[in-house]
Amino acid sequence: LNQEVKQAQKERPFFLYVAYNSPHWPLEAPDEVVDKYRGTWMKGWDQLRREKIERMKEMNILPDHAALPPNHLPKWDTLSQQTKKELDFRRSIYAAQIDRMDQNIGRLVKHLKDIGKFDNTLFLFMSDNGSSGEPASEVFGYKWGENMMDNYEEWKEDSRRSSSQGMVWANLSNAPYRKYKVWTHEGGIKTPLVVRWPGVIDGEGKIVRDVGHLVDIMPTVLDVSGATYPEEFNGHQIKPMQGKSLLPIFKGKNRKPHKYIYWEHESNKAIRKGDWKLVAEHDRSWELYNLGEDPTETNNIIGEHPALVKELKTAWQQWADSVGVRPWPIEE
């Protein structure tokens, strides 16, 4: 390549989408990383949940009045010492997966620093959903009783459905929010968006409480890059964007909020309007929460606001019809 082409490539903006599998199941991580976390979890999920909500309050992530929802799972103190060690081991593999992911993000950061692009790069880091409690039939994790510490060498690199951290530890991962991946209560859908953009975002460690959604990422990237959203591709019409750019928030300005934000997964459904959230689990009744006052969904006030409930139900159904939501289980 001639020097002009090389220079043009250096100046050309890049877009990199990195989709990590970790910390999804099956649980897999190098032994030396797993060993770093052995014993960390022997306090048990009951105590660790309490410590976590207090830590979140101290960090100003949650208000002081936020409540910890009841835990419907087995009490840690009722378990045998051997069971506790087995559970600590599974959670340690899960923690090691996150550790390895963090190490890889560090390598990306180092490379960007080495090529002089670190301070001219917008970072967006998020998760797609809350921690998984699957399978619900085995609260201690997939293949509990079959894949254990004493035969770890046999299943450690199975790379299939060898193990999971189970509902008990997923409950800690999502605490103090309710439910898990698949559900549309906050434990299933509430995830942070971590953003770094020197020169545009002032300061570090700032907590911004604006409510966004995954659909906001596309318009944000287009807004930042100056690209346009196409109307068609290969002769096929493309559906209009649903989101709103986050760029005003990055710049410390106000952004016109979504009127409604919608969810549906396997018949779990929800709609949010400002702090109000209407949510239902499968075919159960709707619940209503004011997340500004009750961020952990502990006080269902469905009977106190009939007009609002009617509005939100109608809006959710109109959206569901428009995008083709189908009853669950789906029958072909």
C-alpha atoms as a PDB file:
ATOM      1  CA  LEU A   1       0.000   0.000   0.000  1.00  0.00           C
ATOM      2  CA  ASN A   2       1.232   3.499  -0.728  1.00  0.00           C
ATOM      3  CA  GLN A   3       1.624   6.040   2.050  1.00  0.00           C
ATOM      4  CA  GLU A   4      -1.555   7.955   1.146  1.00  0.00           C
ATOM      5  CA  VAL A   5      -3.686   4.810   1.477  1.00  0.00           C
ATOM      6  CA  LYS A   6      -1.997   3.867   4.755  1.00  0.00           C
ATOM      7  CA  GLN A   7      -2.634   7.328   6.161  1.00  0.00           C
ATOM      8  CA  ALA A   8      -6.274   7.228   5.066  1.00  0.00           C
ATOM      9  CA  GLN A   9      -6.743   3.892   6.836  1.00  0.00           C
ATOM     10  CA  LYS A  10      -5.241   5.297  10.035  1.00  0.00           C
ATOM     11  CA  GLU A  11      -7.644   8.232  10.002  1.00  0.00           C
ATOM     12  CA  ARG A  12     -10.718   6.209   9.070  1.00  0.00           C
ATOM     13  CA  PRO A  13     -13.118   5.671  12.033  1.00  0.00           C
ATOM     14  CA  PHE A  14     -13.719   2.081  13.111  1.00  0.00           C
ATOM     15  CA  PHE A  15     -16.651   0.248  14.658  1.00  0.00           C
ATOM     16  CA  LEU A  16     -16.056  -2.895  16.718  1.00  0.00           C
ATOM     17  CA  TYR A  17     -18.875  -4.997  18.157  1.00  0.00           C
ATOM     18  CA  VAL A  18     -17.621  -7.571  20.658  1.00  0.00           C
ATOM     19  CA  ALA A  19     -20.238 -10.060  21.856  1.00  0.00           C
ATOM     20  CA  TYR A  20     -18.903 -12.048  24.809  1.00  0.00           C
ATOM     21  CA  ASN A  21     -20.468 -15.382  25.617  1.00  0.00           C
ATOM     22  CA  SER A  22     -19.287 -15.133  29.229  1.00  0.00           C
ATOM     23  CA  PRO A  23     -20.686 -15.378  31.794  1.00  0.00           C
ATOM     24  CA  HIS A  24     -23.258 -17.553  30.063  1.00  0.00           C
ATOM     25  CA  TRP A  25     -23.522 -21.221  30.887  1.00  0.00           C
ATOM     26  CA  PRO A  26     -21.906 -23.776  30.648  1.00  0.00           C
ATOM     27  CA  LEU A  27     -19.505 -22.729  33.386  1.00  0.00           C
ATOM     28  CA  GLU A  28     -15.941 -22.868  32.040  1.00  0.00           C
ATOM     29  CA  ALA A  29     -12.767 -21.053  33.070  1.00  0.00           C
ATOM     30  CA  PRO A  30      -9.053 -21.819  33.582  1.00  0.00           C
ATOM     31  CA  ASP A  31      -8.281 -23.526  36.873  1.00  0.00           C
ATOM     32  CA  GLU A  32      -5.919 -20.807  38.085  1.00  0.00           C
ATOM     33  CA  VAL A  33      -8.625 -18.160  37.687  1.00  0.00           C
ATOM     34  CA  VAL A  34     -11.275 -20.310  39.367  1.00  0.00           C
ATOM     35  CA  ASP A  35      -8.937 -20.867  42.305  1.00  0.00           C
ATOM     36  CA  LYS A  36      -8.750 -17.097  42.910  1.00  0.00           C
ATOM     37  CA  TYR A  37     -12.400 -17.099  43.976  1.00  0.00           C
ATOM     38  CA  ARG A  38     -12.681 -20.348  45.940  1.00  0.00           C
ATOM     39  CA  GLY A  39     -14.061 -19.645  49.394  1.00  0.00           C
ATOM     40  CA  THR A  40     -15.317 -16.162  48.479  1.00  0.00           C
ATOM     41  CA  TRP A  41     -18.927 -17.316  48.511  1.00  0.00           C
ATOM     42  CA  MET A  42     -19.004 -19.327  51.733  1.00  0.00           C
ATOM     43  CA  LYS A  43     -20.952 -16.564  53.458  1.00  0.00           C
ATOM     44  CA  GLY A  44     -23.899 -17.721  51.369  1.00  0.00           C
ATOM     45  CA  TRP A  45     -26.439 -15.883  49.265  1.00  0.00           C
ATOM     46  CA  ASP A  46     -28.598 -14.724  52.173  1.00  0.00           C
ATOM     47  CA  GLN A  47     -25.854 -12.620  53.761  1.00  0.00           C
ATOM     48  CA  LEU A  48     -24.325 -11.587  50.432  1.00  0.00           C
ATOM     49  CA  ARG A  49     -27.687 -10.277  49.195  1.00  0.00           C
ATOM     50  CA  ARG A  50     -27.976  -8.085  52.286  1.00  0.00           C
ATOM     51  CA  GLU A  51     -24.428  -6.822  51.879  1.00  0.00           C
ATOM     52  CA  LYS A  52     -25.029  -6.099  48.211  1.00  0.00           C
ATOM     53  CA  ILE A  53     -28.080  -3.878  48.660  1.00  0.00           C
ATOM     54  CA  GLU A  54     -26.310  -1.916  51.386  1.00  0.00           C
ATOM     55  CA  ARG A  55     -23.287  -1.469  49.122  1.00  0.00           C
ATOM     56  CA  MET A  56     -25.533  -0.229  46.297  1.00  0.00           C
ATOM     57  CA  LYS A  57     -27.074   2.315  48.658  1.00  0.00           C
ATOM     58  CA  GLU A  58     -23.640   3.525  49.730  1.00  0.00           C
ATOM     59  CA  MET A  59     -22.682   3.905  46.055  1.00  0.00           C
ATOM     60  CA  ASN A  60     -25.857   5.947  45.432  1.00  0.00           C
ATOM     61  CA  ILE A  61     -27.142   3.385  42.956  1.00  0.00           C
ATOM     62  CA  LEU A  62     -30.227   2.821  45.106  1.00  0.00           C
ATOM     63  CA  PRO A  63     -32.088   5.147  47.475  1.00  0.00           C
ATOM     64  CA  ASP A  64     -31.866   4.440  51.197  1.00  0.00           C
ATOM     65  CA  HIS A  65     -35.501   3.323  51.340  1.00  0.00           C
ATOM     66  CA  ALA A  66     -35.072   0.551  48.721  1.00  0.00           C
ATOM     67  CA  ALA A  67     -36.205  -2.791  50.114  1.00  0.00           C
ATOM     68  CA  LEU A  68     -34.711  -6.247  49.602  1.00  0.00           C
ATOM     69  CA  PRO A  69     -37.417  -8.584  48.241  1.00  0.00           C
ATOM     70  CA  PRO A  70     -37.955 -11.879  50.082  1.00  0.00           C
ATOM     71  CA  ASN A  71     -35.851 -14.816  48.930  1.00  0.00           C
ATOM     72  CA  HIS A  72     -37.955 -17.834  47.962  1.00  0.00           C
ATOM     73  CA  LEU A  73     -34.917 -20.144  47.696  1.00  0.00           C
ATOM     74  CA  PRO A  74     -33.317 -22.507  50.242  1.00  0.00           C
ATOM     75  CA  LYS A  75     -31.684 -20.850  53.227  1.00  0.00           C
ATOM     76  CA  TRP A  76     -27.895 -21.108  53.164  1.00  0.00           C
ATOM     77  CA  ASP A  77     -27.645 -22.035  56.834  1.00  0.00           C
ATOM     78  CA  THR A  78     -29.817 -25.116  56.294  1.00  0.00           C
ATOM     79  CA  LEU A  79     -27.300 -26.698  53.897  1.00  0.00           C
ATOM     80  CA  SER A  80     -24.561 -29.171  54.711  1.00  0.00           C
ATOM     81  CA  GLN A  81     -20.929 -28.041  54.671  1.00  0.00           C
ATOM     82  CA  GLN A  82     -20.220 -30.209  51.622  1.00  0.00           C
ATOM     83  CA  THR A  83     -23.144 -28.716  49.713  1.00  0.00           C
ATOM     84  CA  LYS A  84     -21.901 -25.222  50.561  1.00  0.00           C
ATOM     85  CA  LYS A  85     -18.436 -26.086  49.212  1.00  0.00           C
ATOM     86  CA  GLU A  86     -19.933 -27.444  45.995  1.00  0.00           C
ATOM     87  CA  LEU A  87     -22.008 -24.299  45.556  1.00  0.00           C
ATOM     88  CA  ASP A  88     -19.015 -22.087  46.310  1.00  0.00           C
ATOM     89  CA  PHE A  89     -17.106 -23.953  43.599  1.00  0.00           C
ATOM     90  CA  ARG A  90     -19.767 -23.370  40.942  1.00  0.00           C
ATOM     91  CA  ARG A  91     -20.028 -19.693  41.793  1.00  0.00           C
ATOM     92  CA  SER A  92     -16.241 -19.424  41.610  1.00  0.00           C
ATOM     93  CA  ILE A  93     -16.255 -20.715  38.024  1.00  0.00           C
ATOM     94  CA  TYR A  94     -18.896 -18.117  37.197  1.00  0.00           C
ATOM     95  CA  ALA A  95     -16.785 -15.371  38.781  1.00  0.00           C
ATOM     96  CA  ALA A  96     -13.742 -16.607  36.862  1.00  0.00           C
ATOM     97  CA  GLN A  97     -15.639 -16.241  33.585  1.00  0.00           C
ATOM     98  CA  ILE A  98     -16.249 -12.569  34.376  1.00  0.00           C
ATOM     99  CA  ASP A  99     -12.606 -12.195  35.368  1.00  0.00           C
ATOM    100  CA  ARG A 100     -11.453 -13.553  31.992  1.00  0.00           C
ATOM    101  CA  MET A 101     -13.853 -11.295  30.134  1.00  0.00           C
ATOM    102  CA  ASP A 102     -12.485  -8.335  32.085  1.00  0.00           C
ATOM    103  CA  GLN A 103      -8.938  -9.351  31.221  1.00  0.00           C
ATOM    104  CA  ASN A 104      -9.834  -9.421  27.523  1.00  0.00           C
ATOM    105  CA  ILE A 105     -11.413  -5.969  27.720  1.00  0.00           C
ATOM    106  CA  GLY A 106      -8.126  -4.872  29.276  1.00  0.00           C
ATOM    107  CA  ARG A 107      -6.242  -6.218  26.252  1.00  0.00           C
ATOM    108  CA  LEU A 108      -8.498  -4.234  23.934  1.00  0.00           C
ATOM    109  CA  VAL A 109      -7.902  -1.105  25.988  1.00  0.00           C
ATOM    110  CA  LYS A 110      -4.137  -1.660  25.942  1.00  0.00           C
ATOM    111  CA  HIS A 111      -4.141  -2.066  22.164  1.00  0.00           C
ATOM    112  CA  LEU A 112      -6.087   1.156  21.701  1.00  0.00           C
ATOM    113  CA  LYS A 113      -3.611   2.936  23.953  1.00  0.00           C
ATOM    114  CA  ASP A 114      -0.698   1.452  21.997  1.00  0.00           C
ATOM    115  CA  ILE A 115      -2.069   2.800  18.695  1.00  0.00           C
ATOM    116  CA  GLY A 116      -3.041   6.152  20.178  1.00  0.00           C
ATOM    117  CA  LYS A 117      -6.806   5.721  19.809  1.00  0.00           C
ATOM    118  CA  PHE A 118      -7.896   5.155  23.410  1.00  0.00           C
ATOM    119  CA  ASP A 119      -8.856   8.752  24.186  1.00  0.00           C
ATOM    120  CA  ASN A 120     -10.636   9.145  20.862  1.00  0.00           C
ATOM    121  CA  THR A 121     -12.892   6.113  21.208  1.00  0.00           C
ATOM    122  CA  LEU A 122     -16.457   5.847  22.483  1.00  0.00           C
ATOM    123  CA  PHE A 123     -16.941   2.737  24.649  1.00  0.00           C
ATOM    124  CA  LEU A 124     -20.410   1.283  25.246  1.00  0.00           C
ATOM    125  CA  PHE A 125     -20.546  -1.753  27.547  1.00  0.00           C
ATOM    126  CA  MET A 126     -23.756  -3.491  28.554  1.00  0.00           C
ATOM    127  CA  SER A 127     -25.419  -6.841  29.176  1.00  0.00           C
ATOM    128  CA  ASP A 128     -28.405  -8.117  27.260  1.00  0.00           C
ATOM    129  CA  ASN A 129     -30.382  -9.269  30.302  1.00  0.00           C
ATOM    130  CA  GLY A 130     -30.225 -10.256  33.937  1.00  0.00           C
ATOM    131  CA  SER A 131     -28.569 -13.412  35.196  1.00  0.00           C
ATOM    132  CA  SER A 132     -30.187 -16.705  34.215  1.00  0.00           C
ATOM    133  CA  GLY A 133     -31.939 -18.863  36.781  1.00  0.00           C
ATOM    134  CA  GLU A 134     -32.197 -21.770  34.359  1.00  0.00           C
ATOM    135  CA  PRO A 135     -33.017 -24.535  34.652  1.00  0.00           C
ATOM    136  CA  ALA A 136     -35.793 -23.698  37.088  1.00  0.00           C
ATOM    137  CA  SER A 137     -36.158 -27.389  37.936  1.00  0.00           C
ATOM    138  CA  GLU A 138     -32.613 -27.513  39.402  1.00  0.00           C
ATOM    139  CA  VAL A 139     -32.182 -24.490  41.660  1.00  0.00           C
ATOM    140  CA  PHE A 140     -28.557 -25.419  42.477  1.00  0.00           C
ATOM    141  CA  GLY A 141     -27.616 -25.519  38.804  1.00  0.00           C
ATOM    142  CA  TYR A 142     -27.668 -27.705  35.732  1.00  0.00           C
ATOM    143  CA  LYS A 143     -26.644 -31.333  36.328  1.00  0.00           C
ATOM    144  CA  TRP A 144     -26.366 -30.774  40.063  1.00  0.00           C
ATOM    145  CA  GLY A 145     -25.518 -34.103  41.705  1.00  0.00           C
ATOM    146  CA  GLU A 146     -24.006 -35.401  38.465  1.00  0.00           C
ATOM    147  CA  ASN A 147     -21.276 -32.882  37.640  1.00  0.00           C
ATOM    148  CA  MET A 148     -19.548 -32.087  40.924  1.00  0.00           C
ATOM    149  CA  MET A 149     -16.096 -31.253  42.278  1.00  0.00           C
ATOM    150  CA  ASP A 150     -14.900 -34.867  42.545  1.00  0.00           C
ATOM    151  CA  ASN A 151     -15.427 -35.511  38.811  1.00  0.00           C
ATOM    152  CA  TYR A 152     -14.648 -31.997  37.581  1.00  0.00           C
ATOM    153  CA  GLU A 153     -11.866 -33.245  35.295  1.00  0.00           C
ATOM    154  CA  GLU A 154     -14.476 -35.239  33.364  1.00  0.00           C
ATOM    155  CA  TRP A 155     -16.827 -32.331  32.600  1.00  0.00           C
ATOM    156  CA  LYS A 156     -14.746 -29.156  32.936  1.00  0.00           C
ATOM    157  CA  GLU A 157     -14.237 -28.787  29.161  1.00  0.00           C
ATOM    158  CA  ASP A 158     -17.492 -30.342  28.002  1.00  0.00           C
ATOM    159  CA  SER A 159     -18.526 -27.051  26.321  1.00  0.00           C
ATOM    160  CA  ARG A 160     -22.140 -28.156  26.273  1.00  0.00           C
ATOM    161  CA  ARG A 161     -24.810 -28.013  28.954  1.00  0.00           C
ATOM    162  CA  SER A 162     -22.437 -29.271  31.598  1.00  0.00           C
ATOM    163  CA  SER A 163     -23.328 -26.899  34.440  1.00  0.00           C
ATOM    164  CA  SER A 164     -24.802 -23.577  35.492  1.00  0.00           C
ATOM    165  CA  GLN A 165     -24.656 -21.484  38.662  1.00  0.00           C
ATOM    166  CA  GLY A 166     -28.326 -22.151  39.311  1.00  0.00           C
ATOM    167  CA  MET A 167     -31.166 -20.018  40.491  1.00  0.00           C
ATOM    168  CA  VAL A 168     -29.644 -19.634  43.954  1.00  0.00           C
ATOM    169  CA  TRP A 169     -26.604 -17.710  42.701  1.00  0.00           C
ATOM    170  CA  ALA A 170     -28.482 -15.981  39.883  1.00  0.00           C
ATOM    171  CA  ASN A 171     -30.689 -14.553  42.602  1.00  0.00           C
ATOM    172  CA  LEU A 172     -27.594 -13.008  44.158  1.00  0.00           C
ATOM    173  CA  SER A 173     -26.365 -11.741  40.774  1.00  0.00           C
ATOM    174  CA  ASN A 174     -29.661  -9.939  40.174  1.00  0.00           C
ATOM    175  CA  ALA A 175     -30.236  -8.809  43.767  1.00  0.00           C
ATOM    176  CA  PRO A 176     -31.887  -6.710  44.931  1.00  0.00           C
ATOM    177  CA  TYR A 177     -34.082  -6.925  41.849  1.00  0.00           C
ATOM    178  CA  ARG A 178     -36.725  -9.589  41.313  1.00  0.00           C
ATOM    179  CA  LYS A 179     -36.686 -12.540  38.921  1.00  0.00           C
ATOM    180  CA  TYR A 180     -34.193 -13.588  36.250  1.00  0.00           C
ATOM    181  CA  LYS A 181     -33.448 -13.663  32.545  1.00  0.00           C
ATOM    182  CA  VAL A 182     -36.646 -14.489  30.579  1.00  0.00           C
ATOM    183  CA  TRP A 183     -38.822 -12.594  33.078  1.00  0.00           C
ATOM    184  CA  THR A 184     -39.613  -8.901  32.622  1.00  0.00           C
ATOM    185  CA  HIS A 185     -39.384  -7.909  36.273  1.00  0.00           C
ATOM    186  CA  GLU A 186     -36.320  -5.768  36.961  1.00  0.00           C
ATOM    187  CA  GLY A 187     -34.032  -8.732  37.665  1.00  0.00           C
ATOM    188  CA  GLY A 188     -34.585  -9.913  34.118  1.00  0.00           C
ATOM    189  CA  ILE A 189     -34.342  -6.648  32.189  1.00  0.00           C
ATOM    190  CA  LYS A 190     -32.495  -4.037  34.242  1.00  0.00           C
ATOM    191  CA  THR A 191     -28.871  -3.769  33.135  1.00  0.00           C
ATOM    192  CA  PRO A 192     -26.396  -0.892  33.365  1.00  0.00           C
ATOM    193  CA  LEU A 193     -24.851   0.827  30.355  1.00  0.00           C
ATOM    194  CA  VAL A 194     -21.243   1.772  31.042  1.00  0.00           C
ATOM    195  CA  VAL A 195     -19.998   4.554  28.757  1.00  0.00           C
ATOM    196  CA  ARG A 196     -16.580   6.167  28.370  1.00  0.00           C
ATOM    197  CA  TRP A 197     -15.861   8.970  25.911  1.00  0.00           C
ATOM    198  CA  PRO A 198     -13.086  11.418  26.881  1.00  0.00           C
ATOM    199  CA  GLY A 199     -13.620  14.959  25.706  1.00  0.00           C
ATOM    200  CA  VAL A 200     -17.388  14.494  25.469  1.00  0.00           C
ATOM    201  CA  ILE A 201     -18.379  12.949  28.806  1.00  0.00           C
ATOM    202  CA  ASP A 202     -17.096  15.036  31.707  1.00  0.00           C
ATOM    203  CA  GLY A 203     -15.674  13.285  34.746  1.00  0.00           C
ATOM    204  CA  GLU A 204     -15.610   9.621  35.705  1.00  0.00           C
ATOM    205  CA  GLY A 205     -17.881   7.453  37.801  1.00  0.00           C
ATOM    206  CA  LYS A 206     -20.938   9.592  37.161  1.00  0.00           C
ATOM    207  CA  ILE A 207     -24.316   7.881  37.617  1.00  0.00           C
ATOM    208  CA  VAL A 208     -26.965   8.943  35.095  1.00  0.00           C
ATOM    209  CA  ARG A 209     -30.500   7.763  35.838  1.00  0.00           C
ATOM    210  CA  ASP A 210     -32.095   8.352  32.451  1.00  0.00           C
ATOM    211  CA  VAL A 211     -34.014   5.290  31.279  1.00  0.00           C
ATOM    212  CA  GLY A 212     -32.861   3.826  27.993  1.00  0.00           C
ATOM    213  CA  HIS A 213     -33.307   0.652  26.022  1.00  0.00           C
ATOM    214  CA  LEU A 214     -31.255  -1.520  23.703  1.00  0.00           C
ATOM    215  CA  VAL A 215     -33.071   0.082  20.751  1.00  0.00           C
ATOM    216  CA  ASP A 216     -31.298   3.351  21.619  1.00  0.00           C
ATOM    217  CA  ILE A 217     -27.882   1.975  20.643  1.00  0.00           C
ATOM    218  CA  MET A 218     -28.435   2.070  16.868  1.00  0.00           C
ATOM    219  CA  PRO A 219     -29.543   5.728  16.706  1.00  0.00           C
ATOM    220  CA  THR A 220     -26.727   6.643  19.096  1.00  0.00           C
ATOM    221  CA  VAL A 221     -24.082   5.073  16.853  1.00  0.00           C
ATOM    222  CA  LEU A 222     -25.590   6.743  13.788  1.00  0.00           C
ATOM    223  CA  ASP A 223     -25.726  10.081  15.571  1.00  0.00           C
ATOM    224  CA  VAL A 224     -22.112   9.857  16.718  1.00  0.00           C
ATOM    225  CA  SER A 225     -20.768   8.674  13.358  1.00  0.00           C
ATOM    226  CA  GLY A 226     -22.881  10.910  11.138  1.00  0.00           C
ATOM    227  CA  ALA A 227     -24.207   7.885   9.242  1.00  0.00           C
ATOM    228  CA  THR A 228     -27.760   7.624   7.951  1.00  0.00           C
ATOM    229  CA  TYR A 229     -30.259   4.837   8.518  1.00  0.00           C
ATOM    230  CA  PRO A 230     -31.232   3.166   5.225  1.00  0.00           C
ATOM    231  CA  GLU A 231     -34.806   2.660   4.109  1.00  0.00           C
ATOM    232  CA  GLU A 232     -34.066  -0.561   2.239  1.00  0.00           C
ATOM    233  CA  PHE A 233     -31.374  -3.192   1.761  1.00  0.00           C
ATOM    234  CA  ASN A 234     -31.079  -5.556  -1.215  1.00  0.00           C
ATOM    235  CA  GLY A 235     -34.496  -4.473  -2.354  1.00  0.00           C
ATOM    236  CA  HIS A 236     -36.167  -5.152   0.998  1.00  0.00           C
ATOM    237  CA  GLN A 237     -37.785  -2.420   3.083  1.00  0.00           C
ATOM    238  CA  ILE A 238     -36.163  -1.943   6.488  1.00  0.00           C
ATOM    239  CA  LYS A 239     -38.315  -1.226   9.512  1.00  0.00           C
ATOM    240  CA  PRO A 240     -37.893   2.277  10.970  1.00  0.00           C
ATOM    241  CA  MET A 241     -35.686   2.731  14.014  1.00  0.00           C
ATOM    242  CA  GLN A 242     -37.460   2.523  17.356  1.00  0.00           C
ATOM    243  CA  GLY A 243     -34.904   4.162  19.632  1.00  0.00           C
ATOM    244  CA  LYS A 244     -33.624   7.616  20.539  1.00  0.00           C
ATOM    245  CA  SER A 245     -30.002   8.752  20.471  1.00  0.00           C
ATOM    246  CA  LEU A 246     -28.190   8.846  23.794  1.00  0.00           C
ATOM    247  CA  LEU A 247     -25.768  11.512  22.562  1.00  0.00           C
ATOM    248  CA  PRO A 248     -27.539  14.401  24.370  1.00  0.00           C
ATOM    249  CA  ILE A 249     -27.137  12.509  27.658  1.00  0.00           C
ATOM    250  CA  PHE A 250     -23.434  11.939  26.967  1.00  0.00           C
ATOM    251  CA  LYS A 251     -23.077  15.694  26.532  1.00  0.00           C
ATOM    252  CA  GLY A 252     -24.834  16.421  29.823  1.00  0.00           C
ATOM    253  CA  LYS A 253     -28.046  17.627  28.185  1.00  0.00           C
ATOM    254  CA  ASN A 254     -31.645  16.566  28.554  1.00  0.00           C
ATOM    255  CA  ARG A 255     -33.125  14.045  26.153  1.00  0.00           C
ATOM    256  CA  LYS A 256     -36.803  13.776  25.347  1.00  0.00           C
ATOM    257  CA  PRO A 257     -37.745  10.488  27.048  1.00  0.00           C
ATOM    258  CA  HIS A 258     -39.550   7.575  25.478  1.00  0.00           C
ATOM    259  CA  LYS A 259     -43.296   7.853  25.986  1.00  0.00           C
ATOM    260  CA  TYR A 260     -43.423   4.092  26.522  1.00  0.00           C
ATOM    261  CA  ILE A 261     -40.860   1.280  26.569  1.00  0.00           C
ATOM    262  CA  TYR A 262     -42.104  -2.261  25.921  1.00  0.00           C
ATOM    263  CA  TRP A 263     -40.978  -5.824  26.661  1.00  0.00           C
ATOM    264  CA  GLU A 264     -42.193  -9.339  25.907  1.00  0.00           C
ATOM    265  CA  HIS A 265     -40.397 -12.652  26.230  1.00  0.00           C
ATOM    266  CA  GLU A 266     -42.042 -16.065  26.405  1.00  0.00           C
ATOM    267  CA  SER A 267     -45.284 -14.327  27.432  1.00  0.00           C
ATOM    268  CA  ASN A 268     -43.616 -12.352  30.220  1.00  0.00           C
ATOM    269  CA  LYS A 269     -44.516  -8.752  29.455  1.00  0.00           C
ATOM    270  CA  ALA A 270     -44.027  -5.217  30.680  1.00  0.00           C
ATOM    271  CA  ILE A 271     -44.466  -1.589  29.721  1.00  0.00           C
ATOM    272  CA  ARG A 272     -42.842   1.444  31.289  1.00  0.00           C
ATOM    273  CA  LYS A 273     -43.925   5.083  31.245  1.00  0.00           C
ATOM    274  CA  GLY A 274     -41.603   7.308  33.245  1.00  0.00           C
ATOM    275  CA  ASP A 275     -41.345   5.721  36.687  1.00  0.00           C
ATOM    276  CA  TRP A 276     -44.501   3.670  36.176  1.00  0.00           C
ATOM    277  CA  LYS A 277     -44.126   0.030  35.203  1.00  0.00           C
ATOM    278  CA  LEU A 278     -46.854  -2.477  34.424  1.00  0.00           C
ATOM    279  CA  VAL A 279     -45.549  -6.050  34.403  1.00  0.00           C
ATOM    280  CA  ALA A 280     -46.954  -9.575  34.268  1.00  0.00           C
ATOM    281  CA  GLU A 281     -45.501 -13.060  34.506  1.00  0.00           C
ATOM    282  CA  HIS A 282     -46.809 -15.482  31.881  1.00  0.00           C
ATOM    283  CA  ASP A 283     -50.593 -15.741  32.260  1.00  0.00           C
ATOM    284  CA  ARG A 284     -50.691 -14.211  35.749  1.00  0.00           C
ATOM    285  CA  SER A 285     -52.329 -10.882  36.568  1.00  0.00           C
ATOM    286  CA  TRP A 286     -50.700  -7.547  35.796  1.00  0.00           C
ATOM    287  CA  GLU A 287     -48.747  -5.785  38.568  1.00  0.00           C
ATOM    288  CA  LEU A 288     -48.065  -2.054  38.844  1.00  0.00           C
ATOM    289  CA  TYR A 289     -45.032  -0.411  40.427  1.00  0.00           C
ATOM    290  CA  ASN A 290     -43.677   3.099  40.766  1.00  0.00           C
ATOM    291  CA  LEU A 291     -39.973   2.453  40.267  1.00  0.00           C
ATOM    292  CA  GLY A 292     -39.029   5.901  41.517  1.00  0.00           C
ATOM    293  CA  GLU A 293     -40.468   5.057  44.915  1.00  0.00           C
ATOM    294  CA  ASP A 294     -40.099   1.273  44.757  1.00  0.00           C
ATOM    295  CA  PRO A 295     -37.126   0.336  42.527  1.00  0.00           C
ATOM    296  CA  THR A 296     -37.115  -3.314  43.630  1.00  0.00           C
ATOM    297  CA  GLU A 297     -40.814  -3.962  42.874  1.00  0.00           C
ATOM    298  CA  THR A 298     -41.913  -4.916  46.375  1.00  0.00           C
ATOM    299  CA  ASN A 299     -45.204  -2.969  46.571  1.00  0.00           C
ATOM    300  CA  ASN A 300     -47.772  -3.857  43.921  1.00  0.00           C
ATOM    301  CA  ILE A 301     -50.234  -0.935  43.691  1.00  0.00           C
ATOM    302  CA  ILE A 302     -52.325  -2.263  40.791  1.00  0.00           C
ATOM    303  CA  GLY A 303     -55.601  -1.417  42.516  1.00  0.00           C
ATOM    304  CA  GLU A 304     -54.765   2.233  43.212  1.00  0.00           C
ATOM    305  CA  HIS A 305     -54.484   3.647  39.668  1.00  0.00           C
ATOM    306  CA  PRO A 306     -57.172   2.145  37.405  1.00  0.00           C
ATOM    307  CA  ALA A 307     -56.977   4.837  34.713  1.00  0.00           C
ATOM    308  CA  LEU A 308     -53.203   4.478  34.404  1.00  0.00           C
ATOM    309  CA  VAL A 309     -53.451   0.696  34.301  1.00  0.00           C
ATOM    310  CA  LYS A 310     -55.993   0.886  31.504  1.00  0.00           C
ATOM    311  CA  GLU A 311     -53.746   3.271  29.532  1.00  0.00           C
ATOM    312  CA  LEU A 312     -50.692   1.058  29.913  1.00  0.00           C
ATOM    313  CA  LYS A 313     -52.553  -2.162  29.091  1.00  0.00           C
ATOM    314  CA  THR A 314     -53.961  -0.595  25.927  1.00  0.00           C
ATOM    315  CA  ALA A 315     -50.588   0.788  24.856  1.00  0.00           C
ATOM    316  CA  TRP A 316     -48.849  -2.543  25.458  1.00  0.00           C
ATOM    317  CA  GLN A 317     -51.444  -4.470  23.452  1.00  0.00           C
ATOM    318  CA  GLN A 318     -51.239  -2.026  20.547  1.00  0.00           C
ATOM    319  CA  TRP A 319     -47.477  -2.430  20.480  1.00  0.00           C
ATOM    320  CA  ALA A 320     -47.728  -6.231  20.772  1.00  0.00           C
ATOM    321  CA  ASP A 321     -50.113  -6.354  17.827  1.00  0.00           C
ATOM    322  CA  SER A 322     -47.879  -4.081  15.758  1.00  0.00           C
ATOM    323  CA  VAL A 323     -44.763  -6.246  16.196  1.00  0.00           C
ATOM    324  CA  GLY A 324     -46.497  -9.612  15.996  1.00  0.00           C
ATOM    325  CA  VAL A 325     -46.244 -10.893  19.568  1.00  0.00           C
ATOM    326  CA  ARG A 326     -47.574 -14.452  19.621  1.00  0.00           C
ATOM    327  CA  PRO A 327     -48.981 -16.493  22.527  1.00  0.00           C
ATOM    328  CA  TRP A 328     -46.539 -18.752  24.358  1.00  0.00           C
ATOM    329  CA  PRO A 329     -45.732 -21.530  23.803  1.00  0.00           C
ATOM    330  CA  ILE A 330     -45.586 -20.796  20.095  1.00  0.00           C
ATOM    331  CA  GLU A 331     -47.278 -23.435  17.987  1.00  0.00           C
ATOM    332  CA  GLU A 332     -46.168 -23.698  14.366  1.00  0.00           C
END
